[in-house]
C-alpha cells in the first residue's frame, strides 16, 4: 500500500523545468496592460504598437500597418512560443534597440497565460 501512495505522490509532483500551462481567461485580463499599445480581434490594426492577431508563427516586423524599429526589422525572429516567452520576459534583451516601451513580465505563469490568450487570435 505504501508503495502505491509513493508512486501516486511522485506523479502528482510538478515536473521540474516544465513550463506552466496557460489560462487564456487570465491572459485576457493581463492583456489589458498591453491594450494601450496593441490590439487583437477582428478589427485590430496597428496603432502605437503592432496588432497581435496571428502573432504565434509570424515573422517579426511583418505586418504592413505598423512602422517597426530598425532593430525589429533586422532581428530575423519568428514569433514562436519560446521566442515570445523570452521577449515578454525581457524585450530589450531579445531585441536590443526595440521601440517597445515595456520592461517585461517576470512571472512565468503570467507569461504562459498571456501567450495562451494571444493564441486564440
N, C-alpha and C. Protein backbone atom coordinates (compact mmCIF):
# COMPACT_ATOMS: atom_id res chain seq x y z
N UNK A 1 0.82 -1.19 0.00
CA UNK A 1 0.00 0.00 0.00
C UNK A 1 0.87 1.26 0.00
N UNK A 2 1.94 1.27 0.81
CA UNK A 2 2.78 2.47 0.88
C UNK A 2 3.50 2.71 -0.44
N UNK A 3 3.81 1.65 -1.17
CA UNK A 3 4.44 1.80 -2.48
C UNK A 3 3.48 2.50 -3.45
N UNK A 4 2.20 2.15 -3.40
CA UNK A 4 1.19 2.78 -4.24
C UNK A 4 1.08 4.27 -3.92
N UNK A 5 1.07 4.62 -2.65
CA UNK A 5 0.98 6.02 -2.24
C UNK A 5 2.21 6.78 -2.72
N UNK A 6 3.39 6.20 -2.58
CA UNK A 6 4.62 6.84 -3.03
C UNK A 6 4.57 7.12 -4.54
N UNK A 7 4.14 6.14 -5.31
CA UNK A 7 4.06 6.30 -6.76
C UNK A 7 3.02 7.36 -7.12
N UNK A 8 1.89 7.35 -6.43
CA UNK A 8 0.85 8.36 -6.69
C UNK A 8 1.38 9.76 -6.39
N UNK A 9 2.09 9.92 -5.31
CA UNK A 9 2.67 11.23 -4.96
C UNK A 9 3.73 11.65 -5.97
N UNK A 10 4.49 10.71 -6.44
CA UNK A 10 5.53 11.01 -7.42
C UNK A 10 4.93 11.59 -8.69
N UNK A 11 3.82 11.02 -9.15
CA UNK A 11 3.18 11.52 -10.35
C UNK A 11 2.44 12.84 -10.11
N UNK A 12 2.12 13.12 -8.88
CA UNK A 12 1.41 14.37 -8.56
C UNK A 12 2.36 15.57 -8.50
N UNK A 13 3.65 15.32 -8.34
CA UNK A 13 4.61 16.41 -8.27
C UNK A 13 4.79 17.05 -9.64
N UNK A 14 4.95 18.37 -9.69
CA UNK A 14 5.19 19.02 -10.98
C UNK A 14 6.54 18.60 -11.53
N UNK A 15 6.61 18.53 -12.83
CA UNK A 15 7.86 18.16 -13.50
C UNK A 15 8.81 19.34 -13.42
N UNK A 16 10.01 19.12 -12.95
CA UNK A 16 10.99 20.19 -12.84
C UNK A 16 11.29 20.77 -14.20
N UNK A 17 11.24 22.08 -14.32
CA UNK A 17 11.56 22.74 -15.57
C UNK A 17 10.41 22.80 -16.57
N UNK A 18 9.28 22.17 -16.24
CA UNK A 18 8.15 22.19 -17.16
C UNK A 18 7.53 23.58 -17.16
N UNK A 19 7.17 24.04 -18.34
CA UNK A 19 6.53 25.35 -18.47
C UNK A 19 5.12 25.27 -17.91
N UNK A 20 4.68 26.34 -17.27
CA UNK A 20 3.31 26.33 -16.76
C UNK A 20 2.29 26.31 -17.89
N UNK A 21 1.13 25.74 -17.62
CA UNK A 21 0.05 25.71 -18.59
C UNK A 21 -0.67 27.05 -18.51
N UNK A 22 -0.88 27.68 -19.65
CA UNK A 22 -1.51 28.99 -19.68
C UNK A 22 -3.02 28.93 -19.59
N UNK A 23 -3.59 29.96 -19.00
CA UNK A 23 -5.02 30.12 -18.88
C UNK A 23 -5.43 31.34 -19.69
N UNK A 24 -6.14 31.15 -20.81
CA UNK A 24 -6.49 32.29 -21.67
C UNK A 24 -7.39 33.33 -20.99
N UNK A 25 -8.21 32.91 -20.02
CA UNK A 25 -9.05 33.89 -19.32
C UNK A 25 -8.19 34.83 -18.48
N UNK A 26 -7.21 34.27 -17.80
CA UNK A 26 -6.28 35.13 -17.05
C UNK A 26 -5.46 35.97 -18.03
N UNK A 27 -5.10 35.39 -19.17
CA UNK A 27 -4.36 36.12 -20.19
C UNK A 27 -5.12 37.32 -20.71
N UNK A 28 -6.44 37.18 -20.85
CA UNK A 28 -7.27 38.30 -21.30
C UNK A 28 -7.21 39.46 -20.31
N UNK A 29 -7.21 39.13 -19.03
CA UNK A 29 -7.08 40.18 -18.02
C UNK A 29 -5.70 40.84 -18.08
N UNK A 30 -4.67 40.01 -18.25
CA UNK A 30 -3.32 40.55 -18.34
C UNK A 30 -3.13 41.41 -19.59
N UNK A 31 -3.82 41.05 -20.67
CA UNK A 31 -3.68 41.79 -21.92
C UNK A 31 -4.17 43.22 -21.79
N UNK A 32 -4.98 43.50 -20.81
CA UNK A 32 -5.45 44.88 -20.62
C UNK A 32 -4.27 45.84 -20.46
N UNK A 33 -3.17 45.36 -19.88
CA UNK A 33 -1.95 46.18 -19.78
C UNK A 33 -1.36 46.47 -21.16
N UNK A 34 -1.53 45.54 -22.07
CA UNK A 34 -0.95 45.64 -23.41
C UNK A 34 -1.83 46.45 -24.36
N UNK A 35 -3.13 46.49 -24.03
CA UNK A 35 -4.12 47.05 -24.94
C UNK A 35 -3.97 48.55 -25.19
N UNK A 36 -3.20 49.24 -24.38
CA UNK A 36 -2.98 50.66 -24.66
C UNK A 36 -2.11 50.86 -25.89
N UNK A 37 -1.36 49.83 -26.26
CA UNK A 37 -0.48 49.91 -27.45
C UNK A 37 -0.83 48.89 -28.53
N UNK A 38 -1.35 47.73 -28.13
CA UNK A 38 -1.59 46.62 -29.05
C UNK A 38 -3.07 46.27 -29.12
N UNK A 39 -3.50 45.74 -30.26
CA UNK A 39 -4.88 45.31 -30.45
C UNK A 39 -4.91 43.87 -30.94
N UNK A 40 -6.00 43.19 -30.61
CA UNK A 40 -6.29 41.85 -31.12
C UNK A 40 -7.77 41.81 -31.48
N UNK A 41 -8.15 40.85 -32.28
CA UNK A 41 -9.55 40.69 -32.64
C UNK A 41 -9.82 41.08 -34.07
N UNK A 42 -11.08 40.98 -34.48
CA UNK A 42 -11.43 41.17 -35.89
C UNK A 42 -11.16 42.58 -36.44
N UNK A 43 -11.13 43.58 -35.58
CA UNK A 43 -10.92 44.95 -36.05
C UNK A 43 -9.55 45.50 -35.65
N UNK A 44 -8.64 44.61 -35.26
CA UNK A 44 -7.32 45.04 -34.80
C UNK A 44 -6.51 45.64 -35.94
N UNK A 45 -5.80 46.69 -35.61
CA UNK A 45 -4.86 47.29 -36.56
C UNK A 45 -3.72 47.90 -35.75
N UNK A 46 -2.66 48.21 -36.46
CA UNK A 46 -1.52 48.82 -35.80
C UNK A 46 -1.87 50.20 -35.28
N UNK A 47 -1.32 50.55 -34.15
CA UNK A 47 -1.51 51.86 -33.55
C UNK A 47 -0.18 52.30 -32.98
N UNK A 48 -0.15 52.48 -31.67
CA UNK A 48 1.12 52.80 -31.02
C UNK A 48 2.06 51.60 -31.08
N UNK A 49 1.48 50.39 -31.19
CA UNK A 49 2.22 49.15 -31.37
C UNK A 49 1.52 48.33 -32.43
N UNK A 50 2.15 47.27 -32.93
CA UNK A 50 1.52 46.46 -33.97
C UNK A 50 0.35 45.64 -33.41
N UNK A 51 -0.60 45.30 -34.28
CA UNK A 51 -1.68 44.39 -33.87
C UNK A 51 -1.08 43.00 -33.70
N UNK A 52 -1.68 42.21 -32.84
CA UNK A 52 -1.07 40.92 -32.47
C UNK A 52 -1.86 39.70 -32.93
N UNK A 53 -2.81 39.86 -33.83
CA UNK A 53 -3.51 38.69 -34.38
C UNK A 53 -2.51 37.80 -35.10
N UNK A 54 -2.58 36.51 -34.83
CA UNK A 54 -1.70 35.56 -35.52
C UNK A 54 -0.23 35.73 -35.19
N UNK A 55 0.08 36.27 -34.03
CA UNK A 55 1.48 36.55 -33.68
C UNK A 55 2.29 35.25 -33.59
N UNK A 56 1.71 34.17 -33.08
CA UNK A 56 2.46 32.92 -32.96
C UNK A 56 2.68 32.34 -34.36
N UNK A 57 3.92 32.21 -34.75
CA UNK A 57 4.28 31.71 -36.07
C UNK A 57 4.56 32.80 -37.09
N UNK A 58 4.35 34.05 -36.70
CA UNK A 58 4.53 35.17 -37.62
C UNK A 58 5.97 35.69 -37.54
N UNK A 59 6.49 36.13 -38.67
CA UNK A 59 7.81 36.74 -38.72
C UNK A 59 7.73 38.12 -38.09
N UNK A 60 8.73 38.46 -37.29
CA UNK A 60 8.78 39.78 -36.65
C UNK A 60 8.80 40.88 -37.71
N UNK A 61 8.15 41.98 -37.37
CA UNK A 61 8.12 43.18 -38.24
C UNK A 61 7.48 42.89 -39.59
N UNK A 62 6.45 42.06 -39.62
CA UNK A 62 5.89 41.66 -40.91
C UNK A 62 4.50 42.21 -41.22
N UNK A 63 3.87 42.90 -40.28
CA UNK A 63 2.57 43.48 -40.62
C UNK A 63 2.79 44.79 -41.36
N UNK A 64 1.87 45.13 -42.22
CA UNK A 64 2.03 46.33 -43.06
C UNK A 64 1.45 47.59 -42.44
N UNK A 65 0.73 47.43 -41.35
CA UNK A 65 0.05 48.58 -40.76
C UNK A 65 0.78 49.17 -39.54
N UNK A 66 2.07 48.91 -39.45
CA UNK A 66 2.84 49.44 -38.33
C UNK A 66 4.27 49.73 -38.79
N UNK A 67 4.85 50.82 -38.29
CA UNK A 67 6.23 51.17 -38.62
C UNK A 67 7.15 50.64 -37.52
N UNK A 68 7.85 49.56 -37.83
CA UNK A 68 8.71 48.89 -36.86
C UNK A 68 10.07 49.57 -36.75
N UNK A 69 10.72 49.36 -35.61
CA UNK A 69 12.08 49.86 -35.41
C UNK A 69 13.03 49.09 -36.33
N UNK A 70 14.13 49.70 -36.63
CA UNK A 70 15.16 49.02 -37.45
C UNK A 70 15.64 47.76 -36.75
N UNK A 71 15.76 47.82 -35.42
CA UNK A 71 16.20 46.65 -34.66
C UNK A 71 15.26 45.48 -34.86
N UNK A 72 13.96 45.74 -34.83
CA UNK A 72 12.98 44.66 -35.02
C UNK A 72 13.02 44.16 -36.46
N UNK A 73 13.13 45.06 -37.42
CA UNK A 73 13.20 44.65 -38.83
C UNK A 73 14.40 43.74 -39.08
N UNK A 74 15.51 44.03 -38.43
CA UNK A 74 16.74 43.28 -38.66
C UNK A 74 16.86 42.05 -37.76
N UNK A 75 15.92 41.85 -36.85
CA UNK A 75 16.04 40.77 -35.87
C UNK A 75 15.98 39.38 -36.50
N UNK A 76 15.23 39.22 -37.58
CA UNK A 76 15.10 37.90 -38.21
C UNK A 76 14.29 36.91 -37.39
N UNK A 77 13.61 37.37 -36.36
CA UNK A 77 12.86 36.48 -35.48
C UNK A 77 11.57 35.98 -36.12
N UNK A 78 11.19 34.79 -35.72
CA UNK A 78 9.85 34.27 -35.97
C UNK A 78 9.27 34.06 -34.58
N UNK A 79 8.07 34.57 -34.36
CA UNK A 79 7.46 34.54 -33.03
C UNK A 79 6.88 33.18 -32.72
N UNK A 80 7.71 32.27 -32.25
CA UNK A 80 7.20 31.01 -31.72
C UNK A 80 7.05 31.17 -30.20
N UNK A 81 6.56 30.15 -29.52
CA UNK A 81 6.32 30.27 -28.08
C UNK A 81 7.61 30.57 -27.31
N UNK A 82 8.69 29.94 -27.69
CA UNK A 82 9.96 30.15 -26.97
C UNK A 82 10.44 31.60 -27.14
N UNK A 83 10.39 32.11 -28.35
CA UNK A 83 10.85 33.47 -28.61
C UNK A 83 9.93 34.49 -27.96
N UNK A 84 8.62 34.28 -28.06
CA UNK A 84 7.67 35.20 -27.42
C UNK A 84 7.84 35.20 -25.90
N UNK A 85 8.06 34.03 -25.33
CA UNK A 85 8.27 33.95 -23.88
C UNK A 85 9.48 34.77 -23.48
N UNK A 86 10.58 34.59 -24.19
CA UNK A 86 11.80 35.35 -23.88
C UNK A 86 11.56 36.85 -24.07
N UNK A 87 10.87 37.21 -25.13
CA UNK A 87 10.62 38.63 -25.42
C UNK A 87 9.71 39.26 -24.37
N UNK A 88 8.67 38.54 -23.96
CA UNK A 88 7.78 39.07 -22.94
C UNK A 88 8.48 39.22 -21.59
N UNK A 89 9.47 38.38 -21.34
CA UNK A 89 10.23 38.50 -20.09
C UNK A 89 11.19 39.68 -20.12
N UNK A 90 11.84 39.89 -21.25
CA UNK A 90 12.85 40.95 -21.34
C UNK A 90 13.00 41.42 -22.78
N UNK A 91 12.10 42.27 -23.26
CA UNK A 91 12.11 42.67 -24.67
C UNK A 91 13.44 43.24 -25.15
N UNK A 92 14.07 44.05 -24.33
CA UNK A 92 15.30 44.72 -24.74
C UNK A 92 16.51 43.79 -24.75
N UNK A 93 16.40 42.66 -24.07
CA UNK A 93 17.47 41.65 -24.14
C UNK A 93 17.36 40.84 -25.43
N UNK A 94 16.14 40.58 -25.87
CA UNK A 94 15.91 39.77 -27.08
C UNK A 94 16.14 40.60 -28.33
N UNK A 95 15.65 41.83 -28.33
CA UNK A 95 15.83 42.72 -29.49
C UNK A 95 16.36 44.06 -28.97
N UNK A 96 17.69 44.14 -28.78
CA UNK A 96 18.26 45.42 -28.35
C UNK A 96 17.93 46.51 -29.37
N UNK A 97 17.43 47.63 -28.86
CA UNK A 97 17.05 48.72 -29.75
C UNK A 97 15.58 48.69 -30.14
N UNK A 98 14.81 47.73 -29.61
CA UNK A 98 13.38 47.70 -29.91
C UNK A 98 12.73 48.99 -29.41
N UNK A 99 11.67 49.40 -30.07
CA UNK A 99 10.98 50.61 -29.63
C UNK A 99 9.88 50.29 -28.62
N UNK A 100 9.72 49.02 -28.27
CA UNK A 100 8.71 48.64 -27.28
C UNK A 100 9.10 49.19 -25.91
N UNK A 101 8.22 49.99 -25.34
CA UNK A 101 8.47 50.61 -24.04
C UNK A 101 7.82 49.76 -22.95
N UNK A 102 8.50 48.67 -22.63
CA UNK A 102 7.97 47.71 -21.68
C UNK A 102 9.14 46.99 -21.05
N UNK A 103 9.14 46.86 -19.73
CA UNK A 103 10.27 46.24 -19.03
C UNK A 103 10.21 44.74 -19.00
N UNK A 104 9.04 44.16 -19.20
CA UNK A 104 8.92 42.71 -19.22
C UNK A 104 8.08 42.16 -18.08
N UNK A 105 7.74 40.89 -18.21
CA UNK A 105 6.95 40.17 -17.20
C UNK A 105 7.85 39.08 -16.64
N UNK A 106 8.08 39.10 -15.37
CA UNK A 106 8.97 38.12 -14.74
C UNK A 106 8.25 36.84 -14.30
N UNK A 107 6.95 36.92 -14.07
CA UNK A 107 6.17 35.79 -13.59
C UNK A 107 5.89 34.82 -14.74
N UNK A 108 6.39 33.58 -14.62
CA UNK A 108 6.24 32.58 -15.69
C UNK A 108 4.77 32.25 -15.97
N UNK A 109 3.96 32.18 -14.93
CA UNK A 109 2.55 31.86 -15.13
C UNK A 109 1.85 32.97 -15.90
N UNK A 110 2.16 34.21 -15.61
CA UNK A 110 1.55 35.32 -16.34
C UNK A 110 1.95 35.30 -17.81
N UNK A 111 3.19 34.99 -18.10
CA UNK A 111 3.64 34.88 -19.49
C UNK A 111 2.88 33.76 -20.19
N UNK A 112 2.75 32.61 -19.54
CA UNK A 112 2.01 31.47 -20.12
C UNK A 112 0.55 31.83 -20.36
N UNK A 113 -0.06 32.54 -19.41
CA UNK A 113 -1.45 32.95 -19.56
C UNK A 113 -1.61 33.91 -20.74
N UNK A 114 -0.73 34.87 -20.83
CA UNK A 114 -0.79 35.85 -21.92
C UNK A 114 -0.61 35.16 -23.27
N UNK A 115 0.34 34.25 -23.38
CA UNK A 115 0.54 33.52 -24.64
C UNK A 115 -0.67 32.67 -24.99
N UNK A 116 -1.28 32.03 -24.01
CA UNK A 116 -2.45 31.21 -24.33
C UNK A 116 -3.60 32.08 -24.82
N UNK A 117 -3.71 33.30 -24.30
CA UNK A 117 -4.72 34.24 -24.80
C UNK A 117 -4.40 34.67 -26.22
N UNK A 118 -3.17 35.04 -26.48
CA UNK A 118 -2.79 35.50 -27.82
C UNK A 118 -2.99 34.42 -28.88
N UNK A 119 -2.84 33.16 -28.48
CA UNK A 119 -3.02 32.06 -29.43
C UNK A 119 -4.47 31.90 -29.86
N UNK A 120 -5.39 32.57 -29.18
CA UNK A 120 -6.81 32.47 -29.57
C UNK A 120 -7.14 33.39 -30.73
N UNK A 121 -6.19 34.21 -31.17
CA UNK A 121 -6.44 35.15 -32.27
C UNK A 121 -5.67 34.78 -33.52
